Amino acid sequence: MKRLAIIGGGSWGTALALVLAPRIPDLRLWVYEEDLAKRMRATRENDVYLPGFRLPEQVEIHTGFGEALRGADIVLGVMPSHVARASYAAMLPFLDPSMVFVSATKGLETNSLLRISQVIDEVLGARFHPRVAVLSGPTFARAVAGGEPTALVAASEDLDLAASIQRTFSGPTFRVYAGSDPVGVEIGAAVKNVVAIGAGVCHGLGLGSNALAALITRGLAEITRLALAMGAQPRTLAGLAGLGDLVLTCTGDLSRNRRVGLELAKGRRLEEIVNSMRMVAEGIKTTNATVDLARRHCVEMPIAEQMHAMLHLGRPPREAIRLLMERSLKVE
């Protein structure tokens, strides 16, 4: 598979173009903003979402789906979750059954509560049954773009497909594991962002390392309960797409979701925080979907509940943490 179309020119899509370009000779990057695409063609730099890194000359920059997708073997979706359905619907006339679809979007569709691979299957199913894999793990775009060693997982119900993506994407600083549990990978990727908002609150309130360690541990328990209720495999949540991504997003300074919690703890309004950010913090919208999924599957998720109340019902951050600590005593 030697022709790749990356759909989404944000920080993660651009970083993937940088790290995959040495192994994929025909690589096109679809960028939503016309003005940004024009500058990227001229300067070979994404000055909005990933400044400081030069794209190789063979990476073509497009704003039309037809040009970006023509002849592609792999379509790698890196768009925000809230525009995934509309994006795949717009791409549909240019897609065919010979293509492989890889979703690197870390989120859920808010209204339907579908995972993004399910959205792809639903939209493309109008014409053909797509072959779909998902890609996730502990990754910050700037670290990947800078060549820092990174490990993540490509998962599909078709393990041969996952292994094919593994072989195509893996390189000297980019190690891909193959997996057969897209449910666990996608739920881990999405819901860790909710917990990361809580991690930012803990840091912003100065609650210390004990509180952060407890939040990460109990957050992983919540993610695992939900994922298992949805059919995931337990070992997935102990791996790169579960524990690995959760730890990175809860502790790393580059985490947008952690930054949302940090700013909320300082007393800033959510609207003000969102308006000040260039890139999407997926956890804000995912919190709604997570709480709804937990109720649908009768799963207890107190951290997610408190993050939802803080983000969308106006509960003060310190009170949200207090209510978590004062819950009735449990057996671990």
Protein backbone atom coordinates (compact mmCIF):
# COMPACT_ATOMS: atom_id res chain seq x y z
CA MET A 1 0.00 0.00 0.00
CA LYS A 2 1.98 2.93 -1.32
CA ARG A 3 -0.55 5.73 -1.76
CA LEU A 4 -1.85 7.47 1.37
CA ALA A 5 -4.39 10.25 1.80
CA ILE A 6 -4.40 11.94 5.23
CA ILE A 7 -7.67 13.77 5.81
CA GLY A 8 -7.13 16.50 8.37
CA GLY A 9 -4.36 19.10 8.45
CA GLY A 10 -4.29 19.82 12.18
CA SER A 11 -1.31 19.07 14.40
CA TRP A 12 -1.82 15.29 14.46
CA GLY A 13 -2.51 14.96 10.74
CA THR A 14 0.55 17.05 9.92
CA ALA A 15 2.73 15.06 12.33
CA LEU A 16 1.57 11.81 10.74
CA ALA A 17 2.45 13.18 7.31
CA LEU A 18 5.94 14.01 8.57
CA VAL A 19 6.62 10.64 10.16
CA LEU A 20 5.09 8.53 7.38
CA ALA A 21 6.49 10.40 4.37
CA PRO A 22 9.86 8.55 4.34
CA ARG A 23 8.06 5.22 3.84
CA ILE A 24 5.14 6.26 1.62
CA PRO A 25 6.22 7.86 -1.66
CA ASP A 26 2.76 9.11 -2.67
CA LEU A 27 1.31 11.02 0.30
CA ARG A 28 -1.40 13.69 0.11
CA LEU A 29 -2.52 15.82 3.04
CA TRP A 30 -6.02 17.31 2.90
CA VAL A 31 -6.29 20.68 4.67
CA TYR A 32 -9.60 22.39 5.37
CA GLU A 33 -8.42 26.02 5.30
CA GLU A 34 -7.62 27.36 1.82
CA ASP A 35 -5.29 30.09 3.10
CA LEU A 36 -3.38 27.69 5.30
CA ALA A 37 -3.00 25.19 2.46
CA LYS A 38 -1.62 27.91 0.19
CA ARG A 39 0.99 28.90 2.79
CA MET A 40 1.88 25.25 3.42
CA ARG A 41 2.56 24.73 -0.28
CA ALA A 42 4.82 27.79 -0.33
CA THR A 43 6.68 27.33 2.96
CA ARG A 44 6.25 23.57 3.60
CA GLU A 45 5.24 24.44 7.17
CA ASN A 46 1.93 24.27 9.04
CA ASP A 47 2.33 27.61 10.79
CA VAL A 48 -1.04 27.37 12.58
CA TYR A 49 -1.14 23.87 14.05
CA LEU A 50 2.44 22.57 13.99
CA PRO A 51 4.94 25.40 13.43
CA GLY A 52 8.64 24.69 13.28
CA PHE A 53 8.55 21.49 11.21
CA ARG A 54 9.18 21.29 7.48
CA LEU A 55 7.05 18.94 5.38
CA PRO A 56 8.96 16.87 2.81
CA GLU A 57 8.53 17.98 -0.79
CA GLN A 58 6.71 14.79 -1.80
CA VAL A 59 3.81 15.55 0.58
CA GLU A 60 1.12 17.11 -1.61
CA ILE A 61 -1.22 19.63 0.02
CA HIS A 62 -4.84 19.64 -1.19
CA THR A 63 -8.14 21.26 -0.21
CA GLY A 64 -10.31 19.20 -2.56
CA PHE A 65 -11.30 15.66 -1.66
CA GLY A 66 -11.10 14.52 -5.27
CA GLU A 67 -7.42 15.43 -5.63
CA ALA A 68 -6.48 14.15 -2.18
CA LEU A 69 -8.23 10.79 -2.54
CA ARG A 70 -7.52 9.93 -6.17
CA GLY A 71 -5.90 6.48 -6.35
CA ALA A 72 -5.37 6.24 -2.57
CA ASP A 73 -4.69 2.81 -1.07
CA ILE A 74 -5.15 4.06 2.51
CA VAL A 75 -7.41 6.85 3.75
CA LEU A 76 -6.24 8.04 7.17
CA GLY A 77 -8.89 10.15 8.91
CA VAL A 78 -7.55 12.66 11.44
CA MET A 79 -10.44 15.10 11.60
CA PRO A 80 -12.17 16.16 14.88
CA SER A 81 -14.93 13.78 15.93
CA HIS A 82 -17.73 16.33 15.57
CA VAL A 83 -17.07 16.72 11.83
CA ALA A 84 -16.28 13.06 11.08
CA ARG A 85 -19.70 12.12 9.69
CA ALA A 86 -19.92 15.18 7.45
CA SER A 87 -16.35 14.65 6.25
CA TYR A 88 -16.85 11.01 5.26
CA ALA A 89 -20.18 11.88 3.60
CA ALA A 90 -18.41 14.54 1.52
CA MET A 91 -15.66 12.06 0.62
CA LEU A 92 -18.06 9.29 -0.36
CA PRO A 93 -18.21 10.08 -4.13
CA PHE A 94 -14.42 9.69 -4.32
CA LEU A 95 -14.11 6.43 -2.35
CA ASP A 96 -14.14 2.83 -3.53
CA PRO A 97 -14.03 -0.66 -1.98
CA SER A 98 -10.33 -1.14 -2.79
CA MET A 99 -9.38 1.50 -0.20
CA VAL A 100 -8.46 0.81 3.42
CA PHE A 101 -9.71 3.23 6.06
CA VAL A 102 -7.79 4.08 9.22
CA SER A 103 -9.31 6.33 11.86
CA ALA A 104 -6.92 8.29 14.10
CA THR A 105 -9.70 10.48 15.51
CA LYS A 106 -9.85 10.33 19.32
CA GLY A 107 -13.47 10.99 20.15
CA LEU A 108 -17.08 9.83 19.92
CA GLU A 109 -20.03 11.09 17.92
CA THR A 110 -22.03 13.01 20.51
CA ASN A 111 -25.60 12.49 19.34
CA SER A 112 -25.44 8.87 18.16
CA LEU A 113 -22.79 7.80 20.75
CA LEU A 114 -21.08 5.87 17.95
CA ARG A 115 -17.36 5.23 17.77
CA ILE A 116 -15.79 6.85 14.72
CA SER A 117 -15.13 3.49 13.05
CA GLN A 118 -18.86 2.84 13.36
CA VAL A 119 -19.57 6.24 11.77
CA ILE A 120 -17.31 5.29 8.86
CA ASP A 121 -19.07 1.96 8.45
CA GLU A 122 -22.48 3.61 8.60
CA VAL A 123 -21.69 6.38 6.09
CA LEU A 124 -19.73 4.28 3.60
CA GLY A 125 -22.14 1.37 3.97
CA ALA A 126 -24.48 3.23 1.65
CA ARG A 127 -22.13 2.17 -1.19
CA PHE A 128 -19.89 -0.65 0.07
CA HIS A 129 -18.67 -2.39 3.23
CA PRO A 130 -15.40 -0.65 4.17
CA ARG A 131 -12.31 -2.27 5.64
CA VAL A 132 -11.58 -0.19 8.75
CA ALA A 133 -8.80 -0.03 11.33
CA VAL A 134 -8.21 2.44 14.17
CA LEU A 135 -4.93 3.98 15.27
CA SER A 136 -4.23 5.28 18.77
CA GLY A 137 -1.75 5.39 21.62
CA PRO A 138 0.24 7.80 23.80
CA THR A 139 1.12 10.44 21.23
CA PHE A 140 1.69 14.17 21.26
CA ALA A 141 1.92 15.56 17.73
CA ARG A 142 5.01 17.71 18.37
CA ALA A 143 6.88 14.77 19.88
CA VAL A 144 6.05 12.53 16.91
CA ALA A 145 7.00 15.26 14.44
CA GLY A 146 10.28 15.79 16.28
CA GLY A 147 11.23 12.14 15.93
CA GLU A 148 10.81 11.15 19.58
CA PRO A 149 10.33 7.37 19.98
CA THR A 150 6.61 6.60 19.90
CA ALA A 151 4.59 3.39 20.22
CA LEU A 152 0.92 2.99 19.39
CA VAL A 153 -1.57 0.35 18.20
CA ALA A 154 -3.45 -0.28 14.96
CA ALA A 155 -6.54 -2.38 15.67
CA SER A 156 -9.15 -4.00 13.48
CA GLU A 157 -11.55 -6.91 13.72
CA ASP A 158 -9.58 -8.11 10.67
CA LEU A 159 -6.18 -8.82 12.23
CA ASP A 160 -4.60 -9.21 8.78
CA LEU A 161 -5.65 -5.63 8.02
CA ALA A 162 -4.21 -4.41 11.33
CA ALA A 163 -0.93 -6.21 10.56
CA SER A 164 -0.82 -4.62 7.09
CA ILE A 165 -1.19 -1.13 8.60
CA GLN A 166 1.45 -2.05 11.16
CA ARG A 167 3.95 -2.95 8.43
CA THR A 168 3.16 0.12 6.34
CA PHE A 169 3.29 2.69 9.15
CA SER A 170 6.12 1.39 11.36
CA GLY A 171 9.50 3.07 11.16
CA PRO A 172 12.65 3.87 13.17
CA THR A 173 10.88 6.16 15.67
CA PHE A 174 7.28 5.06 15.11
CA ARG A 175 6.51 1.56 16.42
CA VAL A 176 3.04 0.20 15.65
CA TYR A 177 1.55 -2.84 17.38
CA ALA A 178 -1.27 -4.80 15.74
CA GLY A 179 -4.48 -5.47 17.67
CA SER A 180 -7.90 -7.02 17.17
CA ASP A 181 -9.92 -4.85 19.56
CA PRO A 182 -11.05 -1.59 17.92
CA VAL A 183 -13.74 -1.12 20.60
CA GLY A 184 -11.20 -0.99 23.42
CA VAL A 185 -8.80 1.19 21.44
CA GLU A 186 -11.46 3.75 20.51
CA ILE A 187 -13.05 3.92 23.96
CA GLY A 188 -9.64 4.27 25.59
CA ALA A 189 -8.67 6.98 23.11
CA ALA A 190 -11.85 8.96 23.64
CA VAL A 191 -12.57 8.68 27.35
CA LYS A 192 -9.02 9.32 28.56
CA ASN A 193 -9.60 12.92 27.45
CA VAL A 194 -12.41 13.24 30.01
CA VAL A 195 -10.14 12.02 32.81
CA ALA A 196 -7.37 14.36 31.61
CA ILE A 197 -9.61 17.35 32.24
CA GLY A 198 -9.85 16.15 35.84
CA ALA A 199 -6.07 15.81 35.97
CA GLY A 200 -5.75 19.43 34.93
CA VAL A 201 -8.14 20.42 37.71
CA CYS A 202 -6.03 18.54 40.26
CA HIS A 203 -2.90 20.34 39.09
CA GLY A 204 -4.62 23.71 38.95
CA LEU A 205 -5.94 23.36 42.47
CA GLY A 206 -2.52 22.28 43.75
CA LEU A 207 -3.80 18.96 45.05
CA GLY A 208 -0.51 17.13 44.63
CA SER A 209 0.78 13.84 43.27
CA ASN A 210 -1.33 11.59 45.50
CA ALA A 211 -4.55 13.04 44.08
CA LEU A 212 -3.29 12.80 40.50
CA ALA A 213 -2.23 9.16 40.91
CA ALA A 214 -5.62 8.31 42.40
CA LEU A 215 -7.46 10.10 39.60
CA ILE A 216 -5.49 8.27 36.89
CA THR A 217 -6.01 4.89 38.56
CA ARG A 218 -9.72 5.33 39.19
CA GLY A 219 -10.12 6.93 35.77
CA LEU A 220 -8.63 3.82 34.18
CA ALA A 221 -11.11 1.71 36.18
CA GLU A 222 -14.00 3.77 34.78
CA ILE A 223 -12.72 3.56 31.20
CA THR A 224 -12.24 -0.20 31.55
CA ARG A 225 -15.74 -0.76 32.96
CA LEU A 226 -17.32 1.09 30.08
CA ALA A 227 -15.15 -0.54 27.42
CA LEU A 228 -15.84 -4.05 28.73
CA ALA A 229 -19.57 -3.34 28.82
CA MET A 230 -19.30 -2.43 25.14
CA GLY A 231 -17.46 -5.64 24.23
CA ALA A 232 -13.78 -4.68 24.55
CA GLN A 233 -10.97 -6.98 25.66
CA PRO A 234 -9.55 -6.28 29.16
CA ARG A 235 -5.89 -6.35 28.06
CA THR A 236 -6.47 -3.50 25.60
CA LEU A 237 -7.13 -1.04 28.42
CA ALA A 238 -3.91 -2.07 30.16
CA GLY A 239 -1.97 -1.31 26.97
CA LEU A 240 -0.91 1.61 24.85
CA ALA A 241 -4.40 2.81 23.88
CA GLY A 242 -5.63 2.56 27.47
CA LEU A 243 -3.18 3.11 30.32
CA GLY A 244 -0.42 4.48 28.09
CA ASP A 245 -2.51 7.20 26.48
CA LEU A 246 -4.24 8.02 29.78
CA VAL A 247 -0.96 8.61 31.63
CA LEU A 248 0.45 10.80 28.86
CA THR A 249 -2.68 12.91 28.51
CA CYS A 250 -3.07 13.37 32.27
CA THR A 251 0.54 14.36 32.92
CA GLY A 252 1.95 15.96 29.76
CA ASP A 253 2.15 19.72 29.37
CA LEU A 254 1.14 19.42 25.69
CA SER A 255 -2.25 17.91 26.60
CA ARG A 256 -5.06 20.23 25.48
CA ASN A 257 -7.62 18.47 27.68
CA ARG A 258 -5.40 18.76 30.75
CA ARG A 259 -5.02 22.46 29.95
CA VAL A 260 -8.81 22.89 29.92
CA GLY A 261 -9.00 21.50 33.47
CA LEU A 262 -6.07 23.62 34.57
CA GLU A 263 -7.71 26.81 33.30
CA LEU A 264 -11.08 25.89 34.83
CA ALA A 265 -9.33 25.48 38.19
CA LYS A 266 -8.01 29.03 37.80
CA GLY A 267 -11.60 30.26 37.55
CA ARG A 268 -11.81 30.87 33.79
CA ARG A 269 -15.09 30.20 32.00
CA LEU A 270 -15.25 27.26 29.60
CA GLU A 271 -16.32 29.45 26.67
CA GLU A 272 -13.36 31.74 27.23
CA ILE A 273 -10.96 28.77 27.37
CA VAL A 274 -12.32 27.21 24.18
CA ASN A 275 -12.17 30.51 22.30
CA SER A 276 -8.52 30.92 23.26
CA MET A 277 -7.51 27.52 21.84
CA ARG A 278 -6.59 26.98 18.20
CA MET A 279 -7.10 23.23 18.36
CA VAL A 280 -9.99 21.10 19.58
CA ALA A 281 -9.97 19.64 23.09
CA GLU A 282 -11.97 16.49 22.33
CA GLY A 283 -12.73 15.79 25.99
CA ILE A 284 -15.24 18.65 26.24
CA LYS A 285 -17.69 17.07 23.79
CA THR A 286 -16.70 13.51 24.69
CA THR A 287 -17.78 14.09 28.28
CA ASN A 288 -21.41 14.30 27.17
CA ALA A 289 -21.17 11.12 25.11
CA THR A 290 -19.32 9.28 27.88
CA VAL A 291 -21.96 10.04 30.50
CA ASP A 292 -24.72 9.01 28.10
CA LEU A 293 -22.91 5.77 27.20
CA ALA A 294 -22.38 4.98 30.88
CA ARG A 295 -26.08 5.36 31.54
CA ARG A 296 -26.98 3.29 28.47
CA HIS A 297 -24.74 0.44 29.63
CA CYS A 298 -25.53 0.86 33.37
CA VAL A 299 -21.88 1.56 34.19
CA GLU A 300 -20.85 3.70 37.18
CA MET A 301 -18.48 6.51 36.11
CA PRO A 302 -18.29 9.10 38.92
CA ILE A 303 -15.27 10.96 37.52
CA ALA A 304 -16.99 11.40 34.17
CA GLU A 305 -20.17 12.50 35.95
CA GLN A 306 -18.32 15.18 37.89
CA MET A 307 -16.45 16.40 34.80
CA HIS A 308 -19.80 16.68 33.01
CA ALA A 309 -21.30 18.66 35.89
CA MET A 310 -18.26 20.95 35.97
CA LEU A 311 -18.13 21.53 32.22
CA HIS A 312 -21.80 21.79 31.40
CA LEU A 313 -23.74 22.42 34.62
CA GLY A 314 -21.52 25.05 36.22
CA ARG A 315 -20.25 23.00 39.16
CA PRO A 316 -17.10 24.60 40.65
CA PRO A 317 -13.95 22.47 40.16
CA ARG A 318 -13.15 22.26 43.87
CA GLU A 319 -16.66 21.07 44.64
CA ALA A 320 -16.42 18.40 41.92
CA ILE A 321 -13.26 17.01 43.54
CA ARG A 322 -14.85 17.18 47.01
CA LEU A 323 -17.88 15.21 45.86
CA LEU A 324 -15.62 12.52 44.41
CA MET A 325 -13.77 12.20 47.72
CA GLU A 326 -16.98 12.10 49.79
CA ARG A 327 -18.69 9.34 47.82
CA SER A 328 -19.81 6.29 49.79
CA LEU A 329 -16.95 3.91 50.57
CA LYS A 330 -16.33 1.09 48.08
CA VAL A 331 -14.42 -2.14 47.65
CA GLU A 332 -11.74 -1.72 44.99
